[in-house]
C-alpha atoms as a PDB file:
ATOM      1  CA  MET A   1       9.172-104.340 -38.636  1.00  0.00           C
ATOM      2  CA  THR A   2      10.274-106.033 -35.990  1.00  0.00           C
ATOM      3  CA  ARG A   3       9.797-104.807 -32.107  1.00  0.00           C
ATOM      4  CA  ALA A   4      13.524-103.321 -31.879  1.00  0.00           C
ATOM      5  CA  HIS A   5      12.632-100.645 -34.995  1.00  0.00           C
ATOM      6  CA  TRP A   6       9.268 -99.610 -33.168  1.00  0.00           C
ATOM      7  CA  ILE A   7      10.580 -99.691 -30.353  1.00  0.00           C
ATOM      8  CA  ARG A   8      13.673 -96.914 -31.854  1.00  0.00           C
ATOM      9  CA  TYR A   9      10.844 -95.343 -34.071  1.00  0.00           C
ATOM     10  CA  ALA A  10       8.709 -94.423 -30.757  1.00  0.00           C
ATOM     11  CA  ALA A  11      12.260 -93.275 -28.830  1.00  0.00           C
ATOM     12  CA  PHE A  12      12.320 -90.783 -31.815  1.00  0.00           C
ATOM     13  CA  ALA A  13       9.312 -89.801 -33.096  1.00  0.00           C
ATOM     14  CA  GLY A  14       8.748 -88.824 -28.911  1.00  0.00           C
ATOM     15  CA  LEU A  15      12.179 -86.662 -29.092  1.00  0.00           C
ATOM     16  CA  ALA A  16      10.638 -85.216 -32.019  1.00  0.00           C
ATOM     17  CA  VAL A  17       7.156 -84.415 -30.303  1.00  0.00           C
ATOM     18  CA  LEU A  18       9.772 -82.877 -27.099  1.00  0.00           C
ATOM     19  CA  LEU A  19      11.935 -80.829 -28.938  1.00  0.00           C
ATOM     20  CA  LEU A  20       8.752 -79.338 -30.787  1.00  0.00           C
ATOM     21  CA  VAL A  21       6.941 -78.594 -27.460  1.00  0.00           C
ATOM     22  CA  ILE A  22      10.550 -76.718 -26.591  1.00  0.00           C
ATOM     23  CA  GLY A  23      10.806 -74.536 -29.060  1.00  0.00           C
ATOM     24  CA  ALA A  24       7.441 -73.408 -28.726  1.00  0.00           C
ATOM     25  CA  ALA A  25       7.540 -72.766 -25.387  1.00  0.00           C
ATOM     26  CA  MET A  26      11.213 -70.564 -26.132  1.00  0.00           C
ATOM     27  CA  ARG A  27       9.649 -68.920 -28.996  1.00  0.00           C
ATOM     28  CA  PRO A  28       7.669 -66.201 -26.338  1.00  0.00           C
ATOM     29  CA  LEU A  29      10.945 -65.457 -24.974  1.00  0.00           C
ATOM     30  CA  VAL A  30      12.957 -65.063 -28.049  1.00  0.00           C
ATOM     31  CA  ILE A  31      10.306 -62.597 -29.412  1.00  0.00           C
ATOM     32  CA  ALA A  32      10.563 -60.755 -25.987  1.00  0.00           C
ATOM     33  CA  GLU A  33      14.359 -60.751 -26.041  1.00  0.00           C
ATOM     34  CA  GLU A  34      13.505 -58.876 -30.061  1.00  0.00           C
ATOM     35  CA  HIS A  35      10.764 -56.933 -28.868  1.00  0.00           C
ATOM     36  CA  PRO A  36      11.085 -55.509 -25.505  1.00  0.00           C
ATOM     37  CA  GLU A  37       7.983 -53.888 -23.810  1.00  0.00           C
ATOM     38  CA  PRO A  38       8.307 -50.111 -23.606  1.00  0.00           C
ATOM     39  CA  ALA A  39       9.408 -49.045 -20.029  1.00  0.00           C
ATOM     40  CA  LEU A  40       6.582 -47.571 -18.155  1.00  0.00           C
ATOM     41  CA  MET A  41       8.191 -44.481 -16.635  1.00  0.00           C
ATOM     42  CA  SER A  42      11.173 -42.633 -18.302  1.00  0.00           C
ATOM     43  CA  GLU A  43      14.735 -42.234 -16.577  1.00  0.00           C
ATOM     44  CA  LEU A  44      12.869 -38.055 -16.286  1.00  0.00           C
ATOM     45  CA  GLU A  45       9.433 -39.222 -14.745  1.00  0.00           C
ATOM     46  CA  ILE A  46      10.897 -41.802 -12.167  1.00  0.00           C
ATOM     47  CA  GLY A  47      13.536 -39.395 -11.108  1.00  0.00           C
ATOM     48  CA  PHE A  48      10.906 -36.922 -10.467  1.00  0.00           C
ATOM     49  CA  THR A  49       8.326 -38.814  -8.993  1.00  0.00           C
ATOM     50  CA  GLN A  50      11.032 -40.554  -6.575  1.00  0.00           C
ATOM     51  CA  ASP A  51      12.167 -36.996  -5.640  1.00  0.00           C
ATOM     52  CA  MET A  52       8.305 -35.995  -4.749  1.00  0.00           C
ATOM     53  CA  VAL A  53       8.287 -38.935  -2.577  1.00  0.00           C
ATOM     54  CA  ALA A  54      11.108 -37.839  -0.442  1.00  0.00           C
ATOM     55  CA  HIS A  55       9.569 -34.024  -1.012  1.00  0.00           C
ATOM     56  CA  HIS A  56       6.007 -34.826   0.362  1.00  0.00           C
ATOM     57  CA  GLY A  57       7.152 -37.610   2.986  1.00  0.00           C
ATOM     58  CA  GLN A  58       8.963 -34.246   4.563  1.00  0.00           C
ATOM     59  CA  ALA A  59       5.887 -31.910   4.468  1.00  0.00           C
ATOM     60  CA  LEU A  60       4.042 -34.791   6.247  1.00  0.00           C
ATOM     61  CA  LEU A  61       6.266 -34.923   8.941  1.00  0.00           C
ATOM     62  CA  MET A  62       6.040 -30.819   9.269  1.00  0.00           C
ATOM     63  CA  ALA A  63       2.640 -31.151   9.626  1.00  0.00           C
ATOM     64  CA  GLN A  64       2.396 -34.152  12.292  1.00  0.00           C
ATOM     65  CA  ARG A  65       5.255 -31.973  14.244  1.00  0.00           C
ATOM     66  CA  LEU A  66       2.703 -28.944  14.373  1.00  0.00           C
ATOM     67  CA  ASP A  67       1.822 -28.262  18.037  1.00  0.00           C
ATOM     68  CA  GLY A  68      -1.867 -30.154  18.448  1.00  0.00           C
ATOM     69  CA  ALA A  69      -2.969 -26.261  20.360  1.00  0.00           C
ATOM     70  CA  ALA A  70      -2.024 -24.761  18.084  1.00  0.00           C
ATOM     71  CA  ASP A  71      -4.573 -22.087  16.206  1.00  0.00           C
ATOM     72  CA  PRO A  72      -7.271 -24.076  14.328  1.00  0.00           C
ATOM     73  CA  THR A  73      -6.951 -22.298  11.419  1.00  0.00           C
ATOM     74  CA  VAL A  74      -3.353 -23.147  11.095  1.00  0.00           C
ATOM     75  CA  ARG A  75      -3.897 -26.825  12.180  1.00  0.00           C
ATOM     76  CA  ALA A  76      -6.852 -26.765   9.370  1.00  0.00           C
ATOM     77  CA  LEU A  77      -4.200 -26.062   6.753  1.00  0.00           C
ATOM     78  CA  ALA A  78      -1.795 -28.313   7.709  1.00  0.00           C
ATOM     79  CA  GLN A  79      -4.197 -30.907   7.550  1.00  0.00           C
ATOM     80  CA  GLN A  80      -5.314 -30.250   4.187  1.00  0.00           C
ATOM     81  CA  ILE A  81      -1.790 -30.022   2.811  1.00  0.00           C
ATOM     82  CA  ALA A  82      -0.979 -33.924   4.877  1.00  0.00           C
ATOM     83  CA  ASP A  83      -4.225 -34.771   3.422  1.00  0.00           C
ATOM     84  CA  SER A  84      -3.809 -33.827  -0.221  1.00  0.00           C
ATOM     85  CA  GLN A  85       0.097 -35.012  -0.305  1.00  0.00           C
ATOM     86  CA  ARG A  86      -0.543 -38.285   1.276  1.00  0.00           C
ATOM     87  CA  THR A  87      -3.244 -38.976  -1.956  1.00  0.00           C
ATOM     88  CA  GLU A  88      -0.399 -37.769  -4.110  1.00  0.00           C
ATOM     89  CA  LEU A  89       1.957 -40.284  -1.794  1.00  0.00           C
ATOM     90  CA  GLY A  90       0.312 -43.382  -2.792  1.00  0.00           C
ATOM     91  CA  MET A  91      -0.029 -42.648  -6.046  1.00  0.00           C
ATOM     92  CA  MET A  92       3.621 -41.426  -7.070  1.00  0.00           C
ATOM     93  CA  LEU A  93       4.369 -44.859  -4.454  1.00  0.00           C
ATOM     94  CA  GLY A  94       2.012 -46.905  -6.799  1.00  0.00           C
ATOM     95  CA  TRP A  95       3.683 -46.155 -10.127  1.00  0.00           C
ATOM     96  CA  LEU A  96       7.210 -46.680  -8.854  1.00  0.00           C
ATOM     97  CA  ARG A  97       5.817 -50.327  -8.407  1.00  0.00           C
ATOM     98  CA  MET A  98       4.328 -50.759 -11.520  1.00  0.00           C
ATOM     99  CA  ALA A  99       7.746 -49.308 -13.040  1.00  0.00           C
ATOM    100  CA  HIS A 100       9.984 -51.745 -10.806  1.00  0.00           C
ATOM    101  CA  ALA A 101      11.586 -48.688  -9.464  1.00  0.00           C
ATOM    102  CA  VAL A 102      13.272 -48.366  -6.196  1.00  0.00           C
ATOM    103  CA  THR A 103      11.432 -45.690  -4.245  1.00  0.00           C
ATOM    104  CA  ILE A 104      14.302 -43.511  -2.709  1.00  0.00           C
ATOM    105  CA  ASN A 105      16.031 -41.821  -5.817  1.00  0.00           C
ATOM    106  CA  PRO A 106      20.159 -42.474  -6.037  1.00  0.00           C
ATOM    107  CA  GLN A 107      20.700 -38.995  -6.964  1.00  0.00           C
ATOM    108  CA  PRO A 108      18.604 -36.906  -5.929  1.00  0.00           C
ATOM    109  CA  MET A 109      17.406 -33.870  -8.421  1.00  0.00           C
ATOM    110  CA  ALA A 110      19.542 -35.111 -11.593  1.00  0.00           C
ATOM    111  CA  TRP A 111      16.735 -35.709 -13.346  1.00  0.00           C
ATOM    112  CA  MET A 112      16.649 -31.357 -13.543  1.00  0.00           C
ATOM    113  CA  HIS A 113      19.727 -31.738 -15.282  1.00  0.00           C
ATOM    114  CA  GLU A 114      18.414 -34.292 -17.910  1.00  0.00           C
ATOM    115  CA  GLU A 115      19.886 -33.384 -20.991  1.00  0.00           C
ATOM    116  CA  ARG A 116      17.387 -36.197 -23.027  1.00  0.00           C
ATOM    117  CA  PRO A 117      14.121 -35.708 -21.386  1.00  0.00           C
ATOM    118  CA  HIS A 118      12.072 -38.124 -23.162  1.00  0.00           C
ATOM    119  CA  ALA A 119      14.009 -40.833 -23.558  1.00  0.00           C
ATOM    120  CA  HIS A 120      12.324 -44.223 -22.446  1.00  0.00           C
ATOM    121  CA  GLU A 121      15.026 -46.322 -20.585  1.00  0.00           C
ATOM    122  CA  HIS A 122      15.313 -46.532 -17.083  1.00  0.00           C
ATOM    123  CA  SER A 123      16.865 -48.294 -14.607  1.00  0.00           C
ATOM    124  CA  GLY A 124      15.237 -47.229 -11.499  1.00  0.00           C
ATOM    125  CA  ALA A 125      17.039 -49.825  -9.309  1.00  0.00           C
ATOM    126  CA  THR A 126      20.695 -48.857 -10.007  1.00  0.00           C
ATOM    127  CA  THR A 127      22.979 -47.348  -7.229  1.00  0.00           C
ATOM    128  CA  ALA A 128      25.361 -44.755  -6.787  1.00  0.00           C
ATOM    129  CA  THR A 129      28.083 -44.157  -4.753  1.00  0.00           C
ATOM    130  CA  ALA A 130      28.445 -40.988  -2.489  1.00  0.00           C
ATOM    131  CA  ALA A 131      25.190 -39.564  -3.604  1.00  0.00           C
ATOM    132  CA  PRO A 132      24.333 -36.239  -2.399  1.00  0.00           C
ATOM    133  CA  THR A 133      21.447 -36.298   0.382  1.00  0.00           C
ATOM    134  CA  ALA A 134      17.275 -35.219  -0.312  1.00  0.00           C
ATOM    135  CA  ALA A 135      17.646 -32.842   1.771  1.00  0.00           C
ATOM    136  CA  ALA A 136      20.399 -31.144   0.646  1.00  0.00           C
ATOM    137  CA  THR A 137      19.817 -30.725  -3.159  1.00  0.00           C
ATOM    138  CA  MET A 138      15.777 -30.799  -3.264  1.00  0.00           C
ATOM    139  CA  PRO A 139      14.688 -26.885  -2.893  1.00  0.00           C
ATOM    140  CA  GLY A 140      12.770 -25.930  -0.127  1.00  0.00           C
ATOM    141  CA  MET A 141      13.369 -29.097   2.146  1.00  0.00           C
ATOM    142  CA  ALA A 142      14.099 -28.363   6.575  1.00  0.00           C
ATOM    143  CA  THR A 143      17.040 -29.955   8.203  1.00  0.00           C
ATOM    144  CA  MET A 144      16.895 -31.645  10.726  1.00  0.00           C
ATOM    145  CA  ASP A 145      17.129 -29.273  13.619  1.00  0.00           C
ATOM    146  CA  GLU A 146      14.825 -27.408  11.712  1.00  0.00           C
ATOM    147  CA  LEU A 147      11.650 -30.053  12.105  1.00  0.00           C
ATOM    148  CA  ASP A 148      13.161 -30.593  15.980  1.00  0.00           C
ATOM    149  CA  ALA A 149      12.510 -26.485  16.572  1.00  0.00           C
ATOM    150  CA  LEU A 150      10.083 -27.082  15.009  1.00  0.00           C
ATOM    151  CA  ALA A 151       8.129 -30.377  17.295  1.00  0.00           C
ATOM    152  CA  ALA A 152       9.470 -28.931  20.564  1.00  0.00           C
ATOM    153  CA  ALA A 153       7.739 -24.821  19.680  1.00  0.00           C
ATOM    154  CA  ARG A 154       4.241 -24.171  21.262  1.00  0.00           C
ATOM    155  CA  GLY A 155       1.513 -21.903  20.923  1.00  0.00           C
ATOM    156  CA  VAL A 156       2.043 -18.758  17.636  1.00  0.00           C
ATOM    157  CA  ASP A 157       6.420 -19.616  17.923  1.00  0.00           C
ATOM    158  CA  ALA A 158       4.793 -23.173  16.558  1.00  0.00           C
ATOM    159  CA  GLU A 159       2.324 -21.698  14.055  1.00  0.00           C
ATOM    160  CA  VAL A 160       4.611 -19.090  12.703  1.00  0.00           C
ATOM    161  CA  ARG A 161       7.934 -22.009  12.583  1.00  0.00           C
ATOM    162  CA  PHE A 162       5.687 -23.923  10.834  1.00  0.00           C
ATOM    163  CA  LEU A 163       3.828 -21.440   8.601  1.00  0.00           C
ATOM    164  CA  ARG A 164       7.856 -20.750   7.248  1.00  0.00           C
ATOM    165  CA  LEU A 165       8.954 -24.099   6.774  1.00  0.00           C
ATOM    166  CA  MET A 166       5.616 -25.324   4.480  1.00  0.00           C
ATOM    167  CA  HIS A 167       5.786 -22.061   2.710  1.00  0.00           C
ATOM    168  CA  ARG A 168       9.534 -22.656   1.749  1.00  0.00           C
ATOM    169  CA  HIS A 169       8.635 -26.426   1.452  1.00  0.00           C
ATOM    170  CA  HIS A 170       6.058 -25.293  -1.447  1.00  0.00           C
ATOM    171  CA  ALA A 171       8.300 -23.192  -2.826  1.00  0.00           C
ATOM    172  CA  GLY A 172      10.522 -26.024  -3.835  1.00  0.00           C
ATOM    173  CA  GLY A 173       8.211 -28.223  -4.809  1.00  0.00           C
ATOM    174  CA  ILE A 174       6.640 -25.539  -6.983  1.00  0.00           C
ATOM    175  CA  GLN A 175       9.967 -25.195  -8.642  1.00  0.00           C
ATOM    176  CA  MET A 176      10.400 -28.733  -8.935  1.00  0.00           C
ATOM    177  CA  ALA A 177       6.969 -29.418 -10.558  1.00  0.00           C
ATOM    178  CA  GLN A 178       7.127 -26.685 -13.075  1.00  0.00           C
ATOM    179  CA  THR A 179      10.750 -27.889 -14.222  1.00  0.00           C
ATOM    180  CA  ALA A 180       9.082 -31.360 -14.393  1.00  0.00           C
ATOM    181  CA  ASP A 181       6.330 -30.231 -16.854  1.00  0.00           C
ATOM    182  CA  ARG A 182       7.975 -27.985 -18.484  1.00  0.00           C
ATOM    183  CA  LEU A 183      10.417 -31.007 -19.747  1.00  0.00           C
ATOM    184  CA  LEU A 184       8.082 -33.523 -20.051  1.00  0.00           C
ATOM    185  CA  ALA A 185       6.136 -33.662 -23.642  1.00  0.00           C
ATOM    186  CA  SER A 186       3.692 -35.633 -22.126  1.00  0.00           C
ATOM    187  CA  GLY A 187       1.716 -38.021 -20.055  1.00  0.00           C
ATOM    188  CA  ILE A 188       0.464 -39.043 -16.440  1.00  0.00           C
ATOM    189  CA  VAL A 189       3.419 -37.489 -14.612  1.00  0.00           C
ATOM    190  CA  LYS A 190       3.415 -34.315 -16.496  1.00  0.00           C
ATOM    191  CA  GLN A 191      -0.610 -33.880 -15.710  1.00  0.00           C
ATOM    192  CA  ALA A 192       0.527 -34.968 -11.618  1.00  0.00           C
ATOM    193  CA  ALA A 193       2.904 -31.789 -11.860  1.00  0.00           C
ATOM    194  CA  ARG A 194       0.770 -29.144 -13.056  1.00  0.00           C
ATOM    195  CA  ASP A 195      -1.878 -30.102 -10.607  1.00  0.00           C
ATOM    196  CA  MET A 196       0.903 -30.108  -8.009  1.00  0.00           C
ATOM    197  CA  PHE A 197       1.753 -26.965  -8.877  1.00  0.00           C
ATOM    198  CA  ASP A 198      -1.496 -25.427  -8.768  1.00  0.00           C
ATOM    199  CA  THR A 199      -2.532 -27.111  -5.292  1.00  0.00           C
ATOM    200  CA  GLN A 200       0.849 -25.773  -3.866  1.00  0.00           C
ATOM    201  CA  THR A 201      -0.018 -22.107  -5.116  1.00  0.00           C
ATOM    202  CA  ARG A 202      -3.018 -22.285  -3.293  1.00  0.00           C
ATOM    203  CA  GLU A 203      -2.224 -23.184  -0.529  1.00  0.00           C
ATOM    204  CA  ALA A 204       1.604 -21.163  -0.454  1.00  0.00           C
ATOM    205  CA  GLY A 205      -1.056 -17.912  -0.745  1.00  0.00           C
ATOM    206  CA  LEU A 206      -2.566 -18.925   2.583  1.00  0.00           C
ATOM    207  CA  LEU A 207       0.109 -20.154   4.195  1.00  0.00           C
ATOM    208  CA  GLY A 208       1.326 -16.724   3.394  1.00  0.00           C
ATOM    209  CA  LEU A 209      -1.162 -14.839   4.382  1.00  0.00           C
ATOM    210  CA  LEU A 210      -1.612 -16.731   7.990  1.00  0.00           C
ATOM    211  CA  LEU A 211       2.272 -15.743   8.122  1.00  0.00           C
ATOM    212  CA  THR A 212       1.729 -12.046   7.444  1.00  0.00           C
ATOM    213  CA  GLN A 213      -1.169 -12.105   9.989  1.00  0.00           C
ATOM    214  CA  ARG A 214       1.898 -13.043  13.006  1.00  0.00           C
ATOM    215  CA  VAL A 215       5.094 -11.646  12.039  1.00  0.00           C
ATOM    216  CA  PRO A 216       5.385  -7.744  10.870  1.00  0.00           C
ATOM    217  CA  ALA A 217       5.894  -7.189   6.863  1.00  0.00           C
ATOM    218  CA  ASP A 218       9.290  -5.699   7.675  1.00  0.00           C
ATOM    219  CA  ALA A 219      10.488  -8.931   9.433  1.00  0.00           C
ATOM    220  CA  PRO A 220      12.212 -11.861   7.775  1.00  0.00           C
ATOM    221  CA  ARG A 221      10.527 -14.783   6.105  1.00  0.00           C
END
């Protein structure tokens, strides 16, 4: 075999090895496309988590805007609520990050009308035009005027405003948690919704009790 033949043979052999290496490298990609990994969270789970992140965020804002000179009992309850919701907020943000979902829901509360609650396809990064705002769609959310009035209030007025707003806020959170619990079959998000329901129900009872001590029973809440 001449030197030219050897060179040609070596070139063909090298090309064959290269093609085998490329084929082996591409095989996992082909398999991944044929058998995609299941989504970490369903559309419903993502929607509930996104909306509850916004809901919790406003609760923290309410606690921050309470007069620092308010009654120690009211301030202690506000701190308890803030600590609890801050912990849950971090947990939920972690879930969304792992699911590669955006933090803000482009269609707030749409998950409450989910027709296929146990589907596992999700598109957390989608966008929507003219989507309603969270405050306009989520139960219990305060308006900016109400939040500003709370920040400006002092003494008993601040306590009453805070208790009213947070009591209404918790009622909305309880409604959202109940709905998620009903729609979801199982999973960590369903358990979290149940825990939120239990915690916020207890806190709502305390908020109502403190409000009763400051507002006559026949006065509008």
